[in-house]
């Protein structure tokens, strides 16, 4: 398994909780982990095919409510061991990529008003995401007796504190540009 294909670990991690279709995996990525990881159908389905070929996942057949056959994926013992080994590995890539910051870095080619608007748009998105994270936090606090939920909770706390820091930065950036 290619060490740089983190989508494999995302898929194995999600499958370690539930058997899922490719579509379900995409929904889970877009719903719960989108705050720190992205995944497209164009990366999910090839990764599933490769994981199946390597024996880390297996296909199960099921039917949807319309009677159509759908492909459900399940993690194998080998896949669980690969996931556990990855979690134990102390190396981690924590890349930060924000297009808003890149636009600000090169902002000298435009007006301060453009920079301020970019900050405003960034702030609006952060505020919206922060509200979602706060709802997640409130919901998961009710189920912290389940071990996995403690780990979900820690990532939510990280997101909330990070997004609060982003909002603080937005205020400072506006003052600098004023």
N, C-alpha and C. Protein backbone atom coordinates (compact mmCIF):
# COMPACT_ATOMS: atom_id res chain seq x y z
N UNK A 1 0.84 -1.18 0.00
CA UNK A 1 0.00 0.00 0.00
C UNK A 1 0.88 1.23 0.00
N UNK A 2 0.59 2.16 -0.87
CA UNK A 2 1.37 3.39 -0.96
C UNK A 2 1.20 4.20 0.32
N UNK A 3 2.31 4.57 0.92
CA UNK A 3 2.27 5.31 2.18
C UNK A 3 1.62 6.68 2.01
N UNK A 4 1.72 7.26 0.81
CA UNK A 4 1.21 8.61 0.61
C UNK A 4 -0.27 8.64 0.22
N UNK A 5 -0.92 7.51 0.13
CA UNK A 5 -2.35 7.48 -0.20
C UNK A 5 -3.16 7.43 1.10
N UNK A 6 -3.34 8.58 1.69
CA UNK A 6 -4.06 8.64 2.97
C UNK A 6 -5.53 8.33 2.80
N UNK A 7 -6.05 8.45 1.58
CA UNK A 7 -7.46 8.10 1.36
C UNK A 7 -7.68 6.64 1.72
N UNK A 8 -6.65 5.81 1.54
CA UNK A 8 -6.77 4.40 1.94
C UNK A 8 -7.05 4.30 3.44
N UNK A 9 -6.34 5.10 4.23
CA UNK A 9 -6.52 5.05 5.68
C UNK A 9 -7.88 5.61 6.08
N UNK A 10 -8.34 6.63 5.37
CA UNK A 10 -9.67 7.18 5.63
C UNK A 10 -10.72 6.09 5.39
N UNK A 11 -10.60 5.41 4.27
CA UNK A 11 -11.55 4.35 3.93
C UNK A 11 -11.50 3.21 4.94
N UNK A 12 -10.29 2.76 5.26
CA UNK A 12 -10.17 1.68 6.24
C UNK A 12 -10.71 2.11 7.60
N UNK A 13 -10.44 3.34 7.99
CA UNK A 13 -10.95 3.85 9.26
C UNK A 13 -12.46 3.87 9.30
N UNK A 14 -13.08 4.35 8.22
CA UNK A 14 -14.54 4.39 8.18
C UNK A 14 -15.12 2.98 8.16
N UNK A 15 -14.49 2.08 7.41
CA UNK A 15 -14.98 0.70 7.35
C UNK A 15 -14.74 -0.06 8.65
N UNK A 16 -13.84 0.44 9.49
CA UNK A 16 -13.61 -0.22 10.78
C UNK A 16 -14.81 -0.03 11.72
N UNK A 17 -15.68 0.90 11.38
CA UNK A 17 -16.89 1.16 12.18
C UNK A 17 -18.14 0.52 11.58
N UNK A 18 -18.24 0.54 10.25
CA UNK A 18 -19.43 0.03 9.56
C UNK A 18 -19.07 -0.46 8.17
N UNK A 19 -19.83 -1.40 7.66
CA UNK A 19 -19.74 -1.77 6.25
C UNK A 19 -20.44 -0.67 5.47
N UNK A 20 -19.81 -0.19 4.39
CA UNK A 20 -20.32 0.97 3.66
C UNK A 20 -20.18 0.79 2.16
N UNK A 21 -21.03 1.48 1.42
CA UNK A 21 -20.87 1.59 -0.03
C UNK A 21 -19.89 2.74 -0.29
N UNK A 22 -19.43 2.84 -1.52
CA UNK A 22 -18.58 3.97 -1.89
C UNK A 22 -19.29 5.29 -1.66
N UNK A 23 -20.58 5.31 -1.99
CA UNK A 23 -21.38 6.51 -1.79
C UNK A 23 -21.46 6.85 -0.29
N UNK A 24 -21.66 5.84 0.55
CA UNK A 24 -21.72 6.06 1.99
C UNK A 24 -20.40 6.61 2.52
N UNK A 25 -19.30 6.12 1.99
CA UNK A 25 -17.97 6.61 2.39
C UNK A 25 -17.86 8.09 2.07
N UNK A 26 -18.28 8.47 0.87
CA UNK A 26 -18.23 9.88 0.47
C UNK A 26 -19.10 10.73 1.40
N UNK A 27 -20.31 10.24 1.73
CA UNK A 27 -21.20 10.97 2.63
C UNK A 27 -20.55 11.14 4.01
N UNK A 28 -19.90 10.11 4.50
CA UNK A 28 -19.24 10.19 5.81
C UNK A 28 -18.10 11.21 5.77
N UNK A 29 -17.32 11.19 4.70
CA UNK A 29 -16.23 12.15 4.57
C UNK A 29 -16.79 13.57 4.54
N UNK A 30 -17.81 13.78 3.72
CA UNK A 30 -18.39 15.12 3.59
C UNK A 30 -19.10 15.57 4.86
N UNK A 31 -19.59 14.62 5.64
CA UNK A 31 -20.35 14.99 6.83
C UNK A 31 -19.52 15.16 8.08
N UNK A 32 -18.64 14.21 8.35
CA UNK A 32 -17.98 14.25 9.65
C UNK A 32 -16.51 14.64 9.61
N UNK A 33 -15.79 14.20 8.61
CA UNK A 33 -14.35 14.50 8.65
C UNK A 33 -13.93 15.58 7.67
N UNK A 34 -14.88 16.21 7.01
CA UNK A 34 -14.55 17.24 6.03
C UNK A 34 -13.79 18.42 6.64
N UNK A 35 -13.86 18.54 7.95
CA UNK A 35 -13.18 19.64 8.61
C UNK A 35 -11.67 19.46 8.61
N UNK A 36 -11.21 18.23 8.40
CA UNK A 36 -9.77 18.01 8.37
C UNK A 36 -9.31 17.09 7.25
N UNK A 37 -10.23 16.58 6.44
CA UNK A 37 -9.83 15.72 5.31
C UNK A 37 -10.88 15.77 4.22
N UNK A 38 -10.43 15.76 2.99
CA UNK A 38 -11.32 15.78 1.83
C UNK A 38 -11.16 14.48 1.05
N UNK A 39 -12.20 14.10 0.36
CA UNK A 39 -12.13 12.92 -0.50
C UNK A 39 -13.19 13.03 -1.59
N UNK A 40 -12.81 12.68 -2.80
CA UNK A 40 -13.74 12.75 -3.92
C UNK A 40 -14.06 11.33 -4.40
N UNK A 41 -15.16 11.21 -5.13
CA UNK A 41 -15.49 9.91 -5.72
C UNK A 41 -14.33 9.44 -6.60
N UNK A 42 -13.66 10.41 -7.25
CA UNK A 42 -12.54 10.08 -8.13
C UNK A 42 -11.34 9.49 -7.39
N UNK A 43 -11.27 9.70 -6.08
CA UNK A 43 -10.20 9.08 -5.30
C UNK A 43 -10.71 7.87 -4.51
N UNK A 44 -11.97 7.89 -4.12
CA UNK A 44 -12.53 6.82 -3.29
C UNK A 44 -12.64 5.51 -4.05
N UNK A 45 -13.26 5.53 -5.24
CA UNK A 45 -13.49 4.28 -5.96
C UNK A 45 -12.20 3.60 -6.43
N UNK A 46 -11.23 4.35 -6.96
CA UNK A 46 -9.96 3.67 -7.29
C UNK A 46 -9.27 3.11 -6.04
N UNK A 47 -9.36 3.82 -4.93
CA UNK A 47 -8.75 3.33 -3.69
C UNK A 47 -9.45 2.06 -3.22
N UNK A 48 -10.78 2.03 -3.30
CA UNK A 48 -11.52 0.82 -2.92
C UNK A 48 -11.11 -0.36 -3.79
N UNK A 49 -10.95 -0.12 -5.09
CA UNK A 49 -10.54 -1.20 -5.99
C UNK A 49 -9.15 -1.72 -5.62
N UNK A 50 -8.25 -0.82 -5.33
CA UNK A 50 -6.88 -1.22 -4.95
C UNK A 50 -6.88 -1.93 -3.60
N UNK A 51 -7.65 -1.42 -2.64
CA UNK A 51 -7.72 -2.06 -1.33
C UNK A 51 -8.31 -3.47 -1.44
N UNK A 52 -9.29 -3.62 -2.33
CA UNK A 52 -9.88 -4.95 -2.53
C UNK A 52 -8.85 -5.89 -3.17
N UNK A 53 -8.14 -5.38 -4.15
CA UNK A 53 -7.11 -6.18 -4.83
C UNK A 53 -6.03 -6.63 -3.84
N UNK A 54 -5.71 -5.77 -2.88
CA UNK A 54 -4.68 -6.09 -1.88
C UNK A 54 -5.21 -6.95 -0.74
N UNK A 55 -6.53 -7.14 -0.68
CA UNK A 55 -7.11 -7.96 0.37
C UNK A 55 -7.43 -7.21 1.65
N UNK A 56 -7.42 -5.89 1.61
CA UNK A 56 -7.71 -5.08 2.81
C UNK A 56 -9.20 -4.86 3.01
N UNK A 57 -9.96 -4.92 1.92
CA UNK A 57 -11.42 -4.84 2.00
C UNK A 57 -12.01 -5.93 1.12
N UNK A 58 -13.26 -6.26 1.39
CA UNK A 58 -13.95 -7.23 0.52
C UNK A 58 -15.32 -6.67 0.19
N UNK A 59 -15.80 -7.12 -0.94
CA UNK A 59 -17.14 -6.70 -1.40
C UNK A 59 -18.20 -7.61 -0.79
N UNK A 60 -19.27 -6.98 -0.39
CA UNK A 60 -20.48 -7.70 0.01
C UNK A 60 -21.57 -7.21 -0.91
N UNK A 61 -22.50 -8.03 -1.22
CA UNK A 61 -23.60 -7.60 -2.08
C UNK A 61 -24.82 -7.35 -1.23
N UNK A 62 -25.53 -6.32 -1.57
CA UNK A 62 -26.77 -6.00 -0.87
C UNK A 62 -27.75 -5.42 -1.85
N UNK A 63 -28.95 -5.15 -1.41
CA UNK A 63 -29.96 -4.53 -2.25
C UNK A 63 -30.44 -3.25 -1.59
N UNK A 64 -30.67 -2.24 -2.43
CA UNK A 64 -31.23 -1.01 -1.87
C UNK A 64 -32.75 -1.15 -1.80
N UNK A 65 -33.42 -0.13 -1.37
CA UNK A 65 -34.88 -0.22 -1.17
C UNK A 65 -35.63 -0.46 -2.48
N UNK A 66 -35.00 -0.13 -3.62
CA UNK A 66 -35.63 -0.37 -4.90
C UNK A 66 -35.33 -1.74 -5.47
N UNK A 67 -34.63 -2.57 -4.71
CA UNK A 67 -34.31 -3.91 -5.17
C UNK A 67 -33.06 -4.00 -6.02
N UNK A 68 -32.42 -2.87 -6.29
CA UNK A 68 -31.19 -2.87 -7.10
C UNK A 68 -30.02 -3.35 -6.24
N UNK A 69 -29.13 -4.08 -6.90
CA UNK A 69 -27.95 -4.56 -6.20
C UNK A 69 -26.99 -3.40 -5.95
N UNK A 70 -26.43 -3.36 -4.77
CA UNK A 70 -25.41 -2.36 -4.47
C UNK A 70 -24.21 -3.06 -3.88
N UNK A 71 -23.06 -2.43 -4.03
CA UNK A 71 -21.82 -3.02 -3.53
C UNK A 71 -21.48 -2.37 -2.20
N UNK A 72 -21.37 -3.22 -1.19
CA UNK A 72 -21.02 -2.78 0.15
C UNK A 72 -19.63 -3.31 0.44
N UNK A 73 -18.80 -2.47 1.05
CA UNK A 73 -17.44 -2.88 1.36
C UNK A 73 -17.29 -3.12 2.86
N UNK A 74 -16.46 -4.10 3.18
CA UNK A 74 -16.19 -4.47 4.57
C UNK A 74 -14.68 -4.57 4.74
N UNK A 75 -14.18 -4.12 5.88
CA UNK A 75 -12.76 -4.23 6.15
C UNK A 75 -12.42 -5.68 6.52
N UNK A 76 -11.26 -6.14 6.09
CA UNK A 76 -10.81 -7.50 6.42
C UNK A 76 -9.86 -7.42 7.63
N UNK A 77 -9.48 -8.57 8.13
CA UNK A 77 -8.49 -8.61 9.21
C UNK A 77 -7.19 -7.94 8.79
N UNK A 78 -6.79 -8.18 7.55
CA UNK A 78 -5.57 -7.55 7.03
C UNK A 78 -5.74 -6.03 7.00
N UNK A 79 -6.90 -5.57 6.57
CA UNK A 79 -7.16 -4.14 6.53
C UNK A 79 -7.12 -3.51 7.92
N UNK A 80 -7.67 -4.24 8.91
CA UNK A 80 -7.63 -3.73 10.29
C UNK A 80 -6.20 -3.62 10.79
N UNK A 81 -5.37 -4.60 10.44
CA UNK A 81 -3.97 -4.55 10.88
C UNK A 81 -3.23 -3.40 10.21
N UNK A 82 -3.50 -3.16 8.92
CA UNK A 82 -2.87 -2.03 8.22
C UNK A 82 -3.29 -0.72 8.88
N UNK A 83 -4.56 -0.60 9.21
CA UNK A 83 -5.07 0.61 9.88
C UNK A 83 -4.40 0.78 11.24
N UNK A 84 -4.32 -0.29 12.02
CA UNK A 84 -3.69 -0.21 13.35
C UNK A 84 -2.21 0.19 13.22
N UNK A 85 -1.51 -0.37 12.25
CA UNK A 85 -0.09 -0.03 12.04
C UNK A 85 0.06 1.44 11.68
N UNK A 86 -0.83 1.95 10.85
CA UNK A 86 -0.79 3.36 10.46
C UNK A 86 -1.05 4.25 11.67
N UNK A 87 -2.01 3.90 12.50
CA UNK A 87 -2.32 4.71 13.69
C UNK A 87 -1.13 4.70 14.64
N UNK A 88 -0.42 3.58 14.75
CA UNK A 88 0.75 3.50 15.64
C UNK A 88 1.95 4.26 15.09
N UNK A 89 2.03 4.43 13.78
CA UNK A 89 3.17 5.11 13.15
C UNK A 89 3.23 6.56 13.63
N UNK A 90 4.36 6.95 14.17
CA UNK A 90 4.49 8.29 14.75
C UNK A 90 4.62 9.39 13.70
N UNK A 91 4.97 9.03 12.48
CA UNK A 91 5.09 10.03 11.43
C UNK A 91 3.70 10.44 10.95
N UNK A 92 3.52 11.73 10.75
CA UNK A 92 2.24 12.23 10.25
C UNK A 92 2.49 13.49 9.44
N UNK A 93 1.84 13.60 8.34
CA UNK A 93 1.89 14.81 7.52
C UNK A 93 0.73 15.70 7.93
N UNK A 94 1.03 16.88 8.38
CA UNK A 94 -0.01 17.81 8.83
C UNK A 94 0.05 19.07 7.98
N UNK A 95 -0.15 18.90 6.69
CA UNK A 95 -0.08 20.01 5.75
C UNK A 95 -1.24 20.97 5.96
N UNK A 96 -0.95 22.22 5.79
CA UNK A 96 -1.96 23.26 5.90
C UNK A 96 -2.03 23.96 4.55
N UNK A 97 -3.19 23.94 3.94
CA UNK A 97 -3.37 24.59 2.64
C UNK A 97 -4.64 25.43 2.69
N UNK A 98 -4.46 26.73 2.68
CA UNK A 98 -5.60 27.64 2.66
C UNK A 98 -5.42 28.62 1.52
N UNK A 99 -6.31 28.53 0.56
CA UNK A 99 -6.23 29.42 -0.59
C UNK A 99 -6.38 30.88 -0.18
N UNK A 100 -7.20 31.13 0.84
CA UNK A 100 -7.36 32.51 1.31
C UNK A 100 -6.01 33.08 1.74
N UNK A 101 -5.21 32.29 2.44
CA UNK A 101 -3.90 32.79 2.87
C UNK A 101 -2.97 33.01 1.67
N UNK A 102 -3.06 32.16 0.66
CA UNK A 102 -2.26 32.36 -0.53
C UNK A 102 -2.67 33.66 -1.23
N UNK A 103 -3.98 33.92 -1.29
CA UNK A 103 -4.46 35.17 -1.90
C UNK A 103 -3.97 36.37 -1.11
N UNK A 104 -3.96 36.26 0.22
CA UNK A 104 -3.45 37.37 1.03
C UNK A 104 -1.95 37.55 0.83
N UNK A 105 -1.23 36.45 0.75
CA UNK A 105 0.21 36.52 0.56
C UNK A 105 0.56 37.31 -0.70
N UNK A 106 -0.24 37.11 -1.75
CA UNK A 106 -0.02 37.82 -3.01
C UNK A 106 -0.97 39.01 -3.17
N UNK A 107 -1.58 39.42 -2.08
CA UNK A 107 -2.60 40.47 -2.11
C UNK A 107 -2.13 41.83 -2.59
N UNK A 108 -0.83 42.07 -2.63
CA UNK A 108 -0.31 43.36 -3.07
C UNK A 108 -0.66 43.69 -4.51
N UNK A 109 -1.10 42.72 -5.29
CA UNK A 109 -1.46 42.98 -6.68
C UNK A 109 -2.87 43.54 -6.80
N UNK A 110 -3.60 43.58 -5.71
CA UNK A 110 -4.99 44.07 -5.70
C UNK A 110 -5.15 45.10 -4.59
N UNK A 111 -6.36 45.52 -4.39
CA UNK A 111 -6.64 46.54 -3.37
C UNK A 111 -6.83 45.91 -1.99
N UNK A 112 -6.73 46.74 -0.97
CA UNK A 112 -6.99 46.28 0.40
C UNK A 112 -8.44 45.84 0.54
N UNK A 113 -9.34 46.46 -0.22
CA UNK A 113 -10.74 46.08 -0.16
C UNK A 113 -10.93 44.62 -0.60
N UNK A 114 -10.17 44.22 -1.61
CA UNK A 114 -10.24 42.83 -2.06
C UNK A 114 -9.74 41.90 -0.96
N UNK A 115 -8.65 42.27 -0.33
CA UNK A 115 -8.12 41.45 0.77
C UNK A 115 -9.12 41.38 1.91
N UNK A 116 -9.72 42.50 2.25
CA UNK A 116 -10.71 42.52 3.32
C UNK A 116 -11.91 41.64 2.97
N UNK A 117 -12.34 41.68 1.72
CA UNK A 117 -13.47 40.85 1.31
C UNK A 117 -13.10 39.36 1.40
N UNK A 118 -11.87 39.02 1.00
CA UNK A 118 -11.44 37.62 1.10
C UNK A 118 -11.43 37.16 2.56
N UNK A 119 -11.02 38.03 3.46
CA UNK A 119 -11.03 37.70 4.88
C UNK A 119 -12.47 37.54 5.36
N UNK A 120 -13.34 38.42 4.91
CA UNK A 120 -14.76 38.34 5.30
C UNK A 120 -15.40 37.02 4.84
N UNK A 121 -15.13 36.61 3.62
CA UNK A 121 -15.67 35.36 3.09
C UNK A 121 -15.12 34.18 3.89
N UNK A 122 -13.82 34.21 4.18
CA UNK A 122 -13.19 33.17 4.99
C UNK A 122 -13.86 33.11 6.37
N UNK A 123 -14.07 34.26 6.98
CA UNK A 123 -14.68 34.33 8.30
C UNK A 123 -16.11 33.78 8.30
N UNK A 124 -16.87 34.07 7.26
CA UNK A 124 -18.24 33.56 7.15
C UNK A 124 -18.24 32.03 7.11
N UNK A 125 -17.32 31.46 6.34
CA UNK A 125 -17.24 30.00 6.24
C UNK A 125 -16.82 29.39 7.57
N UNK A 126 -15.86 30.01 8.22
CA UNK A 126 -15.39 29.51 9.52
C UNK A 126 -16.52 29.56 10.54
N UNK A 127 -17.28 30.64 10.56
CA UNK A 127 -18.40 30.76 11.50
C UNK A 127 -19.44 29.67 11.24
N UNK A 128 -19.74 29.40 9.97
CA UNK A 128 -20.71 28.36 9.63
C UNK A 128 -20.20 26.98 10.06
N UNK A 129 -18.94 26.70 9.78
CA UNK A 129 -18.36 25.42 10.17
C UNK A 129 -18.28 25.28 11.68
N UNK A 130 -17.98 26.37 12.36
CA UNK A 130 -17.90 26.34 13.82
C UNK A 130 -19.25 25.99 14.45
N UNK A 131 -20.32 26.52 13.88
CA UNK A 131 -21.66 26.17 14.37
C UNK A 131 -21.91 24.66 14.24
N UNK A 132 -21.52 24.09 13.11
CA UNK A 132 -21.70 22.65 12.89
C UNK A 132 -20.88 21.87 13.91
N UNK A 133 -19.64 22.27 14.12
CA UNK A 133 -18.79 21.58 15.09
C UNK A 133 -19.36 21.67 16.50
N UNK A 134 -19.95 22.79 16.83
CA UNK A 134 -20.53 22.94 18.17
C UNK A 134 -21.75 22.02 18.35
N UNK A 135 -22.51 21.82 17.28
CA UNK A 135 -23.64 20.87 17.34
C UNK A 135 -23.08 19.45 17.52
N UNK A 136 -22.04 19.10 16.74
CA UNK A 136 -21.42 17.79 16.88
C UNK A 136 -20.94 17.58 18.32
N UNK A 137 -20.30 18.62 18.86
CA UNK A 137 -19.77 18.53 20.23
C UNK A 137 -20.89 18.26 21.22
N UNK A 138 -21.97 19.01 21.11
CA UNK A 138 -23.09 18.83 22.04
C UNK A 138 -23.67 17.42 21.93
N UNK A 139 -23.78 16.91 20.71
CA UNK A 139 -24.34 15.57 20.51
C UNK A 139 -23.42 14.48 21.03
N UNK A 140 -22.15 14.61 20.76
CA UNK A 140 -21.23 13.53 21.15
C UNK A 140 -20.95 13.54 22.65
N UNK A 141 -21.11 14.68 23.28
CA UNK A 141 -20.92 14.73 24.74
C UNK A 141 -21.92 13.84 25.46
N UNK A 142 -23.03 13.55 24.81
CA UNK A 142 -24.05 12.67 25.39
C UNK A 142 -23.67 11.20 25.30
N UNK A 143 -22.63 10.88 24.53
CA UNK A 143 -22.29 9.47 24.31
C UNK A 143 -20.80 9.21 24.52
N UNK A 144 -20.19 9.93 25.44
CA UNK A 144 -18.76 9.75 25.68
C UNK A 144 -18.41 8.45 26.38
N UNK A 145 -19.42 7.71 26.80
CA UNK A 145 -19.16 6.41 27.42
C UNK A 145 -18.72 5.37 26.40
N UNK A 146 -18.94 5.62 25.10
CA UNK A 146 -18.45 4.74 24.05
C UNK A 146 -17.04 5.18 23.67
N UNK A 147 -16.11 4.24 23.71
CA UNK A 147 -14.69 4.58 23.56
C UNK A 147 -14.39 5.36 22.28
N UNK A 148 -14.90 4.90 21.14
CA UNK A 148 -14.62 5.61 19.88
C UNK A 148 -15.07 7.06 19.94
N UNK A 149 -16.14 7.32 20.66
CA UNK A 149 -16.65 8.68 20.72
C UNK A 149 -15.69 9.64 21.42
N UNK A 150 -14.89 9.14 22.32
CA UNK A 150 -13.88 9.98 22.97
C UNK A 150 -12.90 10.52 21.92
N UNK A 151 -12.53 9.66 20.98
CA UNK A 151 -11.58 10.08 19.95
C UNK A 151 -12.24 11.04 18.96
N UNK A 152 -13.49 10.79 18.63
CA UNK A 152 -14.23 11.74 17.78
C UNK A 152 -14.30 13.09 18.49
N UNK A 153 -14.60 13.05 19.78
CA UNK A 153 -14.73 14.26 20.60
C UNK A 153 -13.44 15.08 20.59
N UNK A 154 -12.30 14.40 20.70
CA UNK A 154 -11.03 15.11 20.70
C UNK A 154 -10.79 15.84 19.37
N UNK A 155 -11.16 15.22 18.25
CA UNK A 155 -10.99 15.90 16.97
C UNK A 155 -11.95 17.08 16.85
N UNK A 156 -13.13 16.96 17.41
CA UNK A 156 -14.09 18.07 17.40
C UNK A 156 -13.56 19.23 18.23
N UNK A 157 -13.02 18.93 19.41
CA UNK A 157 -12.44 19.98 20.25
C UNK A 157 -11.31 20.70 19.54
N UNK A 158 -10.47 19.92 18.85
CA UNK A 158 -9.38 20.53 18.08
C UNK A 158 -9.95 21.48 17.04
N UNK A 159 -10.97 21.03 16.32
CA UNK A 159 -11.58 21.86 15.29
C UNK A 159 -12.16 23.14 15.87
N UNK A 160 -12.87 23.04 16.97
CA UNK A 160 -13.48 24.22 17.57
C UNK A 160 -12.40 25.22 18.00
N UNK A 161 -11.39 24.74 18.68
CA UNK A 161 -10.34 25.66 19.14
C UNK A 161 -9.57 26.27 17.98
N UNK A 162 -9.36 25.48 16.93
CA UNK A 162 -8.67 25.99 15.75
C UNK A 162 -9.51 27.06 15.06
N UNK A 163 -10.80 26.78 14.87
CA UNK A 163 -11.67 27.73 14.20
C UNK A 163 -11.85 29.00 15.02
N UNK A 164 -11.87 28.88 16.33
CA UNK A 164 -11.93 30.07 17.17
C UNK A 164 -10.67 30.91 17.00
N UNK A 165 -9.52 30.26 16.87
CA UNK A 165 -8.27 30.98 16.61
C UNK A 165 -8.31 31.66 15.25
N UNK A 166 -8.91 31.01 14.24
CA UNK A 166 -9.05 31.63 12.92
C UNK A 166 -9.88 32.91 13.01
N UNK A 167 -10.95 32.86 13.79
CA UNK A 167 -11.80 34.05 13.94
C UNK A 167 -11.03 35.18 14.62
N UNK A 168 -10.23 34.84 15.58
CA UNK A 168 -9.40 35.84 16.27
C UNK A 168 -8.42 36.47 15.26
N UNK A 169 -7.83 35.61 14.41
CA UNK A 169 -6.92 36.10 13.39
C UNK A 169 -7.64 37.03 12.42
N UNK A 170 -8.87 36.70 12.02
CA UNK A 170 -9.64 37.54 11.10
C UNK A 170 -9.77 38.96 11.66
N UNK A 171 -10.08 39.06 12.94
CA UNK A 171 -10.21 40.37 13.57
C UNK A 171 -8.88 41.13 13.52
N UNK A 172 -7.79 40.47 13.82
CA UNK A 172 -6.47 41.12 13.78
C UNK A 172 -6.12 41.53 12.36
N UNK A 173 -6.40 40.66 11.40
CA UNK A 173 -6.05 40.96 10.00
C UNK A 173 -6.81 42.18 9.51
N UNK A 174 -8.09 42.29 9.88
CA UNK A 174 -8.88 43.47 9.49
C UNK A 174 -8.28 44.74 10.08
N UNK A 175 -7.85 44.68 11.33
CA UNK A 175 -7.24 45.85 11.98
C UNK A 175 -5.94 46.25 11.28
N UNK A 176 -5.14 45.28 10.90
CA UNK A 176 -3.89 45.57 10.22
C UNK A 176 -4.16 46.24 8.87
N UNK A 177 -5.16 45.77 8.17
CA UNK A 177 -5.47 46.31 6.85
C UNK A 177 -6.24 47.63 6.90
N UNK A 178 -6.81 47.97 8.05
CA UNK A 178 -7.63 49.19 8.17
C UNK A 178 -6.76 50.44 8.15
